[in-house]
C-alpha atoms as a PDB file:
ATOM      1  CA  MET A   1       5.027 -13.196  -9.632  1.00  0.00           C
ATOM      2  CA  LEU A   2       3.493 -12.293  -6.282  1.00  0.00           C
ATOM      3  CA  THR A   3       0.232 -14.195  -6.613  1.00  0.00           C
ATOM      4  CA  ASP A   4       0.235 -16.358  -3.469  1.00  0.00           C
ATOM      5  CA  ILE A   5       0.514 -14.350  -0.239  1.00  0.00           C
ATOM      6  CA  PHE A   6       0.698 -15.673   3.326  1.00  0.00           C
ATOM      7  CA  VAL A   7      -0.426 -13.613   6.320  1.00  0.00           C
ATOM      8  CA  PRO A   8       0.190 -15.151   9.778  1.00  0.00           C
ATOM      9  CA  LEU A   9      -1.950 -13.562  12.497  1.00  0.00           C
ATOM     10  CA  LEU A  10      -0.962 -13.722  16.160  1.00  0.00           C
ATOM     11  CA  THR A  11      -3.522 -13.794  18.955  1.00  0.00           C
ATOM     12  CA  TYR A  12      -1.371 -13.786  22.111  1.00  0.00           C
ATOM     13  CA  PRO A  13       0.423 -12.010  23.709  1.00  0.00           C
ATOM     14  CA  ASP A  14       0.700  -9.710  20.670  1.00  0.00           C
ATOM     15  CA  ALA A  15      -2.794  -9.698  19.198  1.00  0.00           C
ATOM     16  CA  GLU A  16      -3.244  -8.584  15.611  1.00  0.00           C
ATOM     17  CA  THR A  17      -6.104  -6.230  14.759  1.00  0.00           C
ATOM     18  CA  THR A  18      -8.771  -6.223  12.092  1.00  0.00           C
ATOM     19  CA  GLY A  19      -7.148  -2.999  10.907  1.00  0.00           C
ATOM     20  CA  LEU A  20      -4.090  -5.027   9.893  1.00  0.00           C
ATOM     21  CA  ILE A  21      -6.270  -7.253   7.713  1.00  0.00           C
ATOM     22  CA  ASP A  22      -7.715  -4.192   5.988  1.00  0.00           C
ATOM     23  CA  ALA A  23      -4.208  -2.765   5.530  1.00  0.00           C
ATOM     24  CA  VAL A  24      -2.992  -6.018   3.949  1.00  0.00           C
ATOM     25  CA  ILE A  25      -5.853  -5.982   1.467  1.00  0.00           C
ATOM     26  CA  LYS A  26      -5.116  -2.357   0.562  1.00  0.00           C
ATOM     27  CA  LEU A  27      -1.400  -3.029   0.105  1.00  0.00           C
ATOM     28  CA  THR A  28      -1.919  -6.067  -2.104  1.00  0.00           C
ATOM     29  CA  ALA A  29      -4.827  -4.697  -4.172  1.00  0.00           C
ATOM     30  CA  PRO A  30      -2.563  -3.877  -7.176  1.00  0.00           C
ATOM     31  CA  LEU A  31      -1.445  -7.513  -7.348  1.00  0.00           C
ATOM     32  CA  SER A  32      -4.845  -9.270  -7.520  1.00  0.00           C
ATOM     33  CA  ALA A  33      -3.214 -11.996  -5.432  1.00  0.00           C
ATOM     34  CA  ASP A  34      -4.651 -14.837  -3.371  1.00  0.00           C
ATOM     35  CA  LEU A  35      -4.376 -14.067   0.348  1.00  0.00           C
ATOM     36  CA  GLU A  36      -4.149 -16.870   2.895  1.00  0.00           C
ATOM     37  CA  PHE A  37      -4.616 -15.730   6.494  1.00  0.00           C
ATOM     38  CA  CYS A  38      -3.460 -18.216   9.122  1.00  0.00           C
ATOM     39  CA  ILE A  39      -4.556 -17.472  12.691  1.00  0.00           C
ATOM     40  CA  PHE A  40      -2.317 -18.845  15.437  1.00  0.00           C
ATOM     41  CA  GLU A  41      -4.040 -19.619  18.737  1.00  0.00           C
ATOM     42  CA  VAL A  42      -1.797 -20.355  21.698  1.00  0.00           C
ATOM     43  CA  ASP A  43      -1.724 -23.534  23.721  1.00  0.00           C
ATOM     44  CA  ILE A  44      -0.050 -22.703  27.022  1.00  0.00           C
ATOM     45  CA  PRO A  45       1.437 -25.764  28.735  1.00  0.00           C
ATOM     46  CA  ALA A  46       1.068 -26.245  32.462  1.00  0.00           C
ATOM     47  CA  ILE A  47       4.174 -25.088  34.317  1.00  0.00           C
ATOM     48  CA  ALA A  48       5.799 -26.453  37.445  1.00  0.00           C
ATOM     49  CA  TYR A  49       5.231 -24.465  40.600  1.00  0.00           C
ATOM     50  CA  SER A  50       8.192 -22.613  42.035  1.00  0.00           C
ATOM     51  CA  MET A  51       8.757 -20.757  45.264  1.00  0.00           C
ATOM     52  CA  GLY A  52       6.407 -17.813  45.559  1.00  0.00           C
ATOM     53  CA  MET A  53       3.884 -19.193  43.047  1.00  0.00           C
ATOM     54  CA  GLU A  54       1.817 -21.112  45.579  1.00  0.00           C
ATOM     55  CA  PHE A  55      -0.372 -18.047  46.012  1.00  0.00           C
ATOM     56  CA  ILE A  56      -1.113 -17.785  42.277  1.00  0.00           C
ATOM     57  CA  ASP A  57      -3.885 -19.759  40.628  1.00  0.00           C
ATOM     58  CA  VAL A  58      -1.728 -20.748  37.667  1.00  0.00           C
ATOM     59  CA  SER A  59      -4.417 -22.876  36.038  1.00  0.00           C
ATOM     60  CA  SER A  60      -6.832 -19.939  35.992  1.00  0.00           C
ATOM     61  CA  VAL A  61      -4.186 -17.605  34.555  1.00  0.00           C
ATOM     62  CA  ILE A  62      -3.454 -20.074  31.746  1.00  0.00           C
ATOM     63  CA  ALA A  63      -7.146 -20.635  31.049  1.00  0.00           C
ATOM     64  CA  GLU A  64      -7.784 -16.882  30.849  1.00  0.00           C
ATOM     65  CA  ALA A  65      -4.870 -16.358  28.440  1.00  0.00           C
ATOM     66  CA  GLU A  66      -6.054 -19.169  26.169  1.00  0.00           C
ATOM     67  CA  LYS A  67      -9.613 -17.803  26.305  1.00  0.00           C
ATOM     68  CA  LEU A  68      -8.322 -14.386  25.234  1.00  0.00           C
ATOM     69  CA  SER A  69      -6.367 -15.969  22.371  1.00  0.00           C
ATOM     70  CA  GLN A  70      -9.422 -17.894  21.205  1.00  0.00           C
ATOM     71  CA  ALA A  71     -11.648 -14.810  21.357  1.00  0.00           C
ATOM     72  CA  THR A  72      -9.133 -12.855  19.276  1.00  0.00           C
ATOM     73  CA  ALA A  73      -8.969 -15.685  16.740  1.00  0.00           C
ATOM     74  CA  THR A  74     -12.757 -15.720  16.436  1.00  0.00           C
ATOM     75  CA  ARG A  75     -12.863 -11.958  15.962  1.00  0.00           C
ATOM     76  CA  LEU A  76     -10.161 -12.007  13.258  1.00  0.00           C
ATOM     77  CA  GLU A  77     -11.758 -14.896  11.379  1.00  0.00           C
ATOM     78  CA  SER A  78     -15.183 -13.247  11.480  1.00  0.00           C
ATOM     79  CA  HIS A  79     -13.732 -10.066  10.007  1.00  0.00           C
ATOM     80  CA  ILE A  80     -12.025 -11.935   7.172  1.00  0.00           C
ATOM     81  CA  VAL A  81     -15.212 -13.853   6.373  1.00  0.00           C
ATOM     82  CA  SER A  82     -17.237 -10.622   6.420  1.00  0.00           C
ATOM     83  CA  LEU A  83     -15.033  -9.190   3.657  1.00  0.00           C
ATOM     84  CA  GLY A  84     -16.237 -11.926   1.378  1.00  0.00           C
ATOM     85  CA  GLY A  85     -13.439 -11.792  -1.177  1.00  0.00           C
ATOM     86  CA  ALA A  86     -13.059 -14.798  -3.461  1.00  0.00           C
ATOM     87  CA  ASN A  87      -9.295 -14.472  -3.116  1.00  0.00           C
ATOM     88  CA  LEU A  88      -9.355 -14.607   0.703  1.00  0.00           C
ATOM     89  CA  THR A  89      -8.958 -17.846   2.646  1.00  0.00           C
ATOM     90  CA  THR A  90      -8.485 -18.379   6.335  1.00  0.00           C
ATOM     91  CA  SER A  91      -7.294 -21.191   8.565  1.00  0.00           C
ATOM     92  CA  SER A  92      -6.354 -21.525  12.203  1.00  0.00           C
ATOM     93  CA  VAL A  93      -3.910 -23.650  14.165  1.00  0.00           C
ATOM     94  CA  ARG A  94      -3.321 -24.062  17.880  1.00  0.00           C
ATOM     95  CA  MET A  95       0.153 -24.571  19.291  1.00  0.00           C
ATOM     96  CA  GLU A  96       2.633 -23.439  21.908  1.00  0.00           C
ATOM     97  CA  GLU A  97       3.794 -19.866  21.404  1.00  0.00           C
ATOM     98  CA  ALA A  98       7.452 -20.864  21.036  1.00  0.00           C
ATOM     99  CA  ARG A  99       6.615 -23.095  18.056  1.00  0.00           C
ATOM    100  CA  ILE A 100       4.749 -20.459  16.063  1.00  0.00           C
ATOM    101  CA  PRO A 101       7.746 -18.806  14.311  1.00  0.00           C
ATOM    102  CA  HIS A 102       9.025 -22.187  13.084  1.00  0.00           C
ATOM    103  CA  ALA A 103       5.591 -23.313  11.882  1.00  0.00           C
ATOM    104  CA  ALA A 104       4.913 -19.993  10.154  1.00  0.00           C
ATOM    105  CA  THR A 105       8.324 -20.125   8.452  1.00  0.00           C
ATOM    106  CA  ALA A 106       7.565 -23.568   7.021  1.00  0.00           C
ATOM    107  CA  MET A 107       4.303 -22.217   5.587  1.00  0.00           C
ATOM    108  CA  ALA A 108       5.996 -19.090   4.230  1.00  0.00           C
ATOM    109  CA  GLN A 109       8.554 -21.167   2.327  1.00  0.00           C
ATOM    110  CA  LEU A 110       5.747 -22.290   0.002  1.00  0.00           C
ATOM    111  CA  ARG A 111       4.331 -18.816  -0.668  1.00  0.00           C
ATOM    112  CA  ASP A 112       5.454 -15.907  -2.855  1.00  0.00           C
ATOM    113  CA  LEU A 113       5.335 -13.330  -0.066  1.00  0.00           C
ATOM    114  CA  SER A 114       4.545 -13.084   3.646  1.00  0.00           C
ATOM    115  CA  ILE A 115       3.074 -10.056   5.386  1.00  0.00           C
ATOM    116  CA  VAL A 116       3.453  -9.436   9.113  1.00  0.00           C
ATOM    117  CA  GLN A 117       2.764  -6.601  11.501  1.00  0.00           C
ATOM    118  CA  LEU A 118       5.559  -5.167  13.628  1.00  0.00           C
ATOM    119  CA  LEU A 119       4.692  -2.717  16.393  1.00  0.00           C
ATOM    120  CA  PRO A 120       7.136  -1.237  18.943  1.00  0.00           C
ATOM    121  CA  ASN A 121       7.975  -3.534  21.861  1.00  0.00           C
ATOM    122  CA  ALA A 122       5.925  -6.402  20.411  1.00  0.00           C
ATOM    123  CA  ILE A 123       8.322  -9.276  21.115  1.00  0.00           C
ATOM    124  CA  GLY A 124       6.164 -11.985  19.553  1.00  0.00           C
ATOM    125  CA  GLN A 125       5.799 -10.011  16.330  1.00  0.00           C
ATOM    126  CA  ARG A 126       9.533  -9.319  16.259  1.00  0.00           C
ATOM    127  CA  HIS A 127      10.441 -12.997  16.662  1.00  0.00           C
ATOM    128  CA  LEU A 128       7.981 -13.944  13.923  1.00  0.00           C
ATOM    129  CA  ALA A 129       9.268 -11.251  11.548  1.00  0.00           C
ATOM    130  CA  GLU A 130      12.918 -12.249  11.993  1.00  0.00           C
ATOM    131  CA  ALA A 131      12.114 -15.944  11.583  1.00  0.00           C
ATOM    132  CA  LEU A 132      10.328 -15.302   8.288  1.00  0.00           C
ATOM    133  CA  ILE A 133      12.909 -12.853   6.922  1.00  0.00           C
ATOM    134  CA  PHE A 134      15.915 -15.068   7.619  1.00  0.00           C
ATOM    135  CA  GLY A 135      14.349 -18.525   7.492  1.00  0.00           C
ATOM    136  CA  SER A 136      11.736 -18.657   4.752  1.00  0.00           C
ATOM    137  CA  GLY A 137      13.870 -17.748   1.736  1.00  0.00           C
ATOM    138  CA  ARG A 138      10.981 -15.591   0.562  1.00  0.00           C
ATOM    139  CA  PRO A 139      10.378 -11.823   0.816  1.00  0.00           C
ATOM    140  CA  VAL A 140       8.513 -10.369   3.787  1.00  0.00           C
ATOM    141  CA  LEU A 141       6.418  -7.212   3.856  1.00  0.00           C
ATOM    142  CA  ILE A 142       6.470  -5.519   7.256  1.00  0.00           C
ATOM    143  CA  VAL A 143       3.429  -3.409   8.194  1.00  0.00           C
ATOM    144  CA  PRO A 144       4.187  -1.016  11.072  1.00  0.00           C
ATOM    145  CA  ASP A 145       0.550  -0.167  11.833  1.00  0.00           C
ATOM    146  CA  ALA A 146      -2.903  -0.289  10.310  1.00  0.00           C
ATOM    147  CA  ALA A 147      -2.600   3.206   8.793  1.00  0.00           C
ATOM    148  CA  VAL A 148      -1.071   2.292   5.441  1.00  0.00           C
ATOM    149  CA  GLY A 149      -0.470   5.031   2.916  1.00  0.00           C
ATOM    150  CA  ASN A 150      -0.458   4.978  -0.847  1.00  0.00           C
ATOM    151  CA  ILE A 151       2.091   2.616  -2.410  1.00  0.00           C
ATOM    152  CA  GLU A 152       1.934   4.134  -5.875  1.00  0.00           C
ATOM    153  CA  HIS A 153       5.287   5.679  -4.938  1.00  0.00           C
ATOM    154  CA  ILE A 154       7.921   3.111  -3.928  1.00  0.00           C
ATOM    155  CA  ALA A 155      11.445   3.803  -2.695  1.00  0.00           C
ATOM    156  CA  ILE A 156      14.348   1.367  -3.075  1.00  0.00           C
ATOM    157  CA  ALA A 157      17.324   1.304  -0.708  1.00  0.00           C
ATOM    158  CA  TRP A 158      20.197   0.515  -3.089  1.00  0.00           C
ATOM    159  CA  ASP A 159      23.760  -0.347  -2.115  1.00  0.00           C
ATOM    160  CA  GLY A 160      24.696  -2.771  -4.872  1.00  0.00           C
ATOM    161  CA  SER A 161      24.556  -5.774  -2.551  1.00  0.00           C
ATOM    162  CA  GLN A 162      23.192  -9.249  -3.239  1.00  0.00           C
ATOM    163  CA  ALA A 163      20.405  -8.733  -0.700  1.00  0.00           C
ATOM    164  CA  ALA A 164      19.327  -5.434  -2.275  1.00  0.00           C
ATOM    165  CA  THR A 165      19.378  -7.045  -5.719  1.00  0.00           C
ATOM    166  CA  ARG A 166      17.238  -9.930  -4.495  1.00  0.00           C
ATOM    167  CA  ALA A 167      14.761  -7.493  -2.931  1.00  0.00           C
ATOM    168  CA  ILE A 168      14.339  -5.631  -6.224  1.00  0.00           C
ATOM    169  CA  HIS A 169      13.749  -8.832  -8.169  1.00  0.00           C
ATOM    170  CA  ASP A 170      11.285 -10.062  -5.543  1.00  0.00           C
ATOM    171  CA  ALA A 171       9.396  -6.742  -5.597  1.00  0.00           C
ATOM    172  CA  ILE A 172       9.370  -6.303  -9.372  1.00  0.00           C
ATOM    173  CA  ASP A 173       5.575  -6.783  -9.625  1.00  0.00           C
ATOM    174  CA  LEU A 174       4.951  -4.031  -7.083  1.00  0.00           C
ATOM    175  CA  LEU A 175       7.519  -1.771  -8.735  1.00  0.00           C
ATOM    176  CA  ALA A 176       5.940  -2.299 -12.149  1.00  0.00           C
ATOM    177  CA  GLY A 177       2.592  -1.175 -10.773  1.00  0.00           C
ATOM    178  CA  ALA A 178       3.960   1.962  -9.094  1.00  0.00           C
ATOM    179  CA  LYS A 179       3.618   5.385 -10.661  1.00  0.00           C
ATOM    180  CA  THR A 180       6.855   6.653  -9.103  1.00  0.00           C
ATOM    181  CA  VAL A 181      10.044   4.813  -8.075  1.00  0.00           C
ATOM    182  CA  THR A 182      12.925   6.485  -6.239  1.00  0.00           C
ATOM    183  CA  LEU A 183      16.346   4.922  -5.678  1.00  0.00           C
ATOM    184  CA  LEU A 184      17.967   5.900  -2.373  1.00  0.00           C
ATOM    185  CA  THR A 185      21.685   5.462  -1.752  1.00  0.00           C
ATOM    186  CA  ALA A 186      23.049   6.024   1.751  1.00  0.00           C
ATOM    187  CA  LEU A 187      26.469   7.555   1.167  1.00  0.00           C
ATOM    188  CA  ASP A 188      27.440   7.625   4.859  1.00  0.00           C
ATOM    189  CA  ASP A 189      26.919   3.873   5.232  1.00  0.00           C
ATOM    190  CA  LYS A 190      29.087   2.424   2.438  1.00  0.00           C
ATOM    191  CA  THR A 191      30.521   3.331  -0.921  1.00  0.00           C
ATOM    192  CA  VAL A 192      28.003   2.875  -3.716  1.00  0.00           C
ATOM    193  CA  GLU A 193      29.458   3.018  -7.205  1.00  0.00           C
ATOM    194  CA  ASN A 194      27.557   5.419  -9.452  1.00  0.00           C
ATOM    195  CA  GLY A 195      27.793   2.864 -12.232  1.00  0.00           C
ATOM    196  CA  THR A 196      25.606   0.439 -10.284  1.00  0.00           C
ATOM    197  CA  VAL A 197      22.967   3.147  -9.817  1.00  0.00           C
ATOM    198  CA  ILE A 198      22.959   3.884 -13.556  1.00  0.00           C
ATOM    199  CA  GLY A 199      22.860   0.165 -14.275  1.00  0.00           C
ATOM    200  CA  LEU A 200      19.888  -0.369 -11.965  1.00  0.00           C
ATOM    201  CA  ILE A 201      17.974   2.523 -13.520  1.00  0.00           C
ATOM    202  CA  GLY A 202      18.593   0.894 -16.901  1.00  0.00           C
ATOM    203  CA  TYR A 203      17.458  -2.518 -15.646  1.00  0.00           C
ATOM    204  CA  LEU A 204      14.226  -1.054 -14.287  1.00  0.00           C
ATOM    205  CA  ASP A 205      13.667   0.882 -17.506  1.00  0.00           C
ATOM    206  CA  ARG A 206      13.887  -2.363 -19.476  1.00  0.00           C
ATOM    207  CA  HIS A 207      11.014  -3.602 -17.319  1.00  0.00           C
ATOM    208  CA  GLY A 208       8.923  -0.531 -18.017  1.00  0.00           C
ATOM    209  CA  ILE A 209       9.782   1.145 -14.696  1.00  0.00           C
ATOM    210  CA  THR A 210      11.045   4.724 -14.678  1.00  0.00           C
ATOM    211  CA  ALA A 211      13.168   5.517 -11.617  1.00  0.00           C
ATOM    212  CA  SER A 212      14.886   8.603 -10.251  1.00  0.00           C
ATOM    213  CA  HIS A 213      17.808   8.683  -7.810  1.00  0.00           C
ATOM    214  CA  SER A 214      18.550  10.532  -4.581  1.00  0.00           C
ATOM    215  CA  ASP A 215      21.459  10.375  -2.124  1.00  0.00           C
ATOM    216  CA  VAL A 216      20.776   9.981   1.603  1.00  0.00           C
ATOM    217  CA  HIS A 217      22.927  11.449   4.370  1.00  0.00           C
ATOM    218  CA  SER A 218      22.372   9.886   7.781  1.00  0.00           C
ATOM    219  CA  SER A 219      23.709  12.870   9.770  1.00  0.00           C
ATOM    220  CA  GLY A 220      24.453  10.677  12.759  1.00  0.00           C
ATOM    221  CA  ILE A 221      21.098   8.879  12.999  1.00  0.00           C
ATOM    222  CA  PRO A 222      20.770   5.110  12.384  1.00  0.00           C
ATOM    223  CA  ILE A 223      21.007   4.358   8.687  1.00  0.00           C
ATOM    224  CA  GLY A 224      17.697   2.493   8.645  1.00  0.00           C
ATOM    225  CA  LYS A 225      15.928   5.520  10.115  1.00  0.00           C
ATOM    226  CA  ALA A 226      17.640   7.834   7.619  1.00  0.00           C
ATOM    227  CA  LEU A 227      16.503   5.688   4.692  1.00  0.00           C
ATOM    228  CA  GLN A 228      12.938   5.554   5.970  1.00  0.00           C
ATOM    229  CA  THR A 229      12.850   9.281   6.650  1.00  0.00           C
ATOM    230  CA  SER A 230      14.117  10.000   3.145  1.00  0.00           C
ATOM    231  CA  ALA A 231      11.547   7.635   1.645  1.00  0.00           C
ATOM    232  CA  LEU A 232       8.761   9.432   3.498  1.00  0.00           C
ATOM    233  CA  ASP A 233      10.151  12.843   2.550  1.00  0.00           C
ATOM    234  CA  HIS A 234       9.975  11.810  -1.111  1.00  0.00           C
ATOM    235  CA  GLY A 235       6.362  10.735  -0.648  1.00  0.00           C
ATOM    236  CA  ALA A 236       6.939   6.975  -0.833  1.00  0.00           C
ATOM    237  CA  GLY A 237       4.484   4.620   0.812  1.00  0.00           C
ATOM    238  CA  LEU A 238       6.748   1.558   0.672  1.00  0.00           C
ATOM    239  CA  LEU A 239      10.493   0.978   1.047  1.00  0.00           C
ATOM    240  CA  VAL A 240      12.152  -1.999  -0.666  1.00  0.00           C
ATOM    241  CA  MET A 241      15.479  -3.085   0.805  1.00  0.00           C
ATOM    242  CA  GLY A 242      17.738  -6.039   1.413  1.00  0.00           C
ATOM    243  CA  ALA A 243      17.934  -7.589   4.885  1.00  0.00           C
ATOM    244  CA  PHE A 244      21.294  -8.486   6.406  1.00  0.00           C
ATOM    245  CA  GLY A 245      21.781 -10.957   9.221  1.00  0.00           C
ATOM    246  CA  HIS A 246      23.074 -14.335  10.215  1.00  0.00           C
ATOM    247  CA  SER A 247      22.606 -16.725  13.089  1.00  0.00           C
ATOM    248  CA  ARG A 248      25.185 -17.122  15.805  1.00  0.00           C
ATOM    249  CA  ILE A 249      24.385 -19.588  18.590  1.00  0.00           C
ATOM    250  CA  ARG A 250      20.666 -19.405  17.632  1.00  0.00           C
ATOM    251  CA  GLU A 251      20.577 -15.633  17.988  1.00  0.00           C
ATOM    252  CA  PHE A 252      20.148 -13.349  15.010  1.00  0.00           C
ATOM    253  CA  VAL A 253      22.964 -10.902  14.456  1.00  0.00           C
ATOM    254  CA  LEU A 254      21.530  -8.146  12.295  1.00  0.00           C
ATOM    255  CA  GLY A 255      23.181  -5.616  10.029  1.00  0.00           C
ATOM    256  CA  GLY A 256      22.905  -1.988  11.096  1.00  0.00           C
ATOM    257  CA  ALA A 257      20.265  -0.909   8.582  1.00  0.00           C
ATOM    258  CA  THR A 258      18.197  -4.045   9.145  1.00  0.00           C
ATOM    259  CA  ARG A 259      18.291  -3.681  12.919  1.00  0.00           C
ATOM    260  CA  SER A 260      17.263  -0.034  12.865  1.00  0.00           C
ATOM    261  CA  VAL A 261      14.304  -0.552  10.501  1.00  0.00           C
ATOM    262  CA  LEU A 262      13.044  -3.488  12.555  1.00  0.00           C
ATOM    263  CA  ASP A 263      13.534  -1.546  15.776  1.00  0.00           C
ATOM    264  CA  GLN A 264      11.441   1.327  14.441  1.00  0.00           C
ATOM    265  CA  PRO A 265       9.548   0.686  11.201  1.00  0.00           C
ATOM    266  CA  MET A 266       8.107   3.985   9.957  1.00  0.00           C
ATOM    267  CA  LEU A 267       6.386   2.834   6.763  1.00  0.00           C
ATOM    268  CA  PRO A 268       5.683  -0.527   5.107  1.00  0.00           C
ATOM    269  CA  LEU A 269       8.942  -2.345   4.360  1.00  0.00           C
ATOM    270  CA  PHE A 270       9.527  -4.980   1.670  1.00  0.00           C
ATOM    271  CA  LEU A 271      12.529  -7.026   2.872  1.00  0.00           C
ATOM    272  CA  SER A 272      14.467  -9.832   1.221  1.00  0.00           C
ATOM    273  CA  HIS A 273      17.447 -11.755   2.584  1.00  0.00           C
END
């Protein structure tokens, strides 16, 4: 059950907004879950001077960045406290930016679900999202912006894979609370046996979840974008899908659908690896 949810909040250089906090609360309202917000302040180490830097007051630049991070942390914590929910807790830690994904992953391993924001060109958010998806062993809910729609309609990207199966099991509480569930199969991406679609509909039905099915044709656009577009066209406010990727020489190599949804998330995404 999704009762223990972890929400890491960045403060620099990608600063989360209070709108994200409100969006998280709206998304998780059907679960009545405990939400733990962890605010990460940055500690920027002094760097050695190199040629051309003698004209830059490096110490002042570092101090200003850390001040900005601290101010953002204070603002986020104040907003969480102002909400006053008994199920909301907040903590803060201070560390070097490069250590944050690893620390957040360790925390996420002991939670049912993590929720992170992912905006275009936000490198810090992207690194954090990938670390949690592929390192925590737990599902991750990606929020593309603070404007979250209704998740009473949930779409599932189904291809019969282990990752997709895991995602459905991980999201079963959300699916059970939805009024409408739509299975999406991307025919241009890989062959999906009709028997597995029928079998999944039966599995969901045994859990009290009625699902319909629709095929998706990518028509030359990235498969992740096609799936998201179809989900939105059907009126879904959340897309559940498996995440594909592995590490090669410390660099994530992502599957096509996973890469395209992380490059351009269009609606909240529930991802499991």
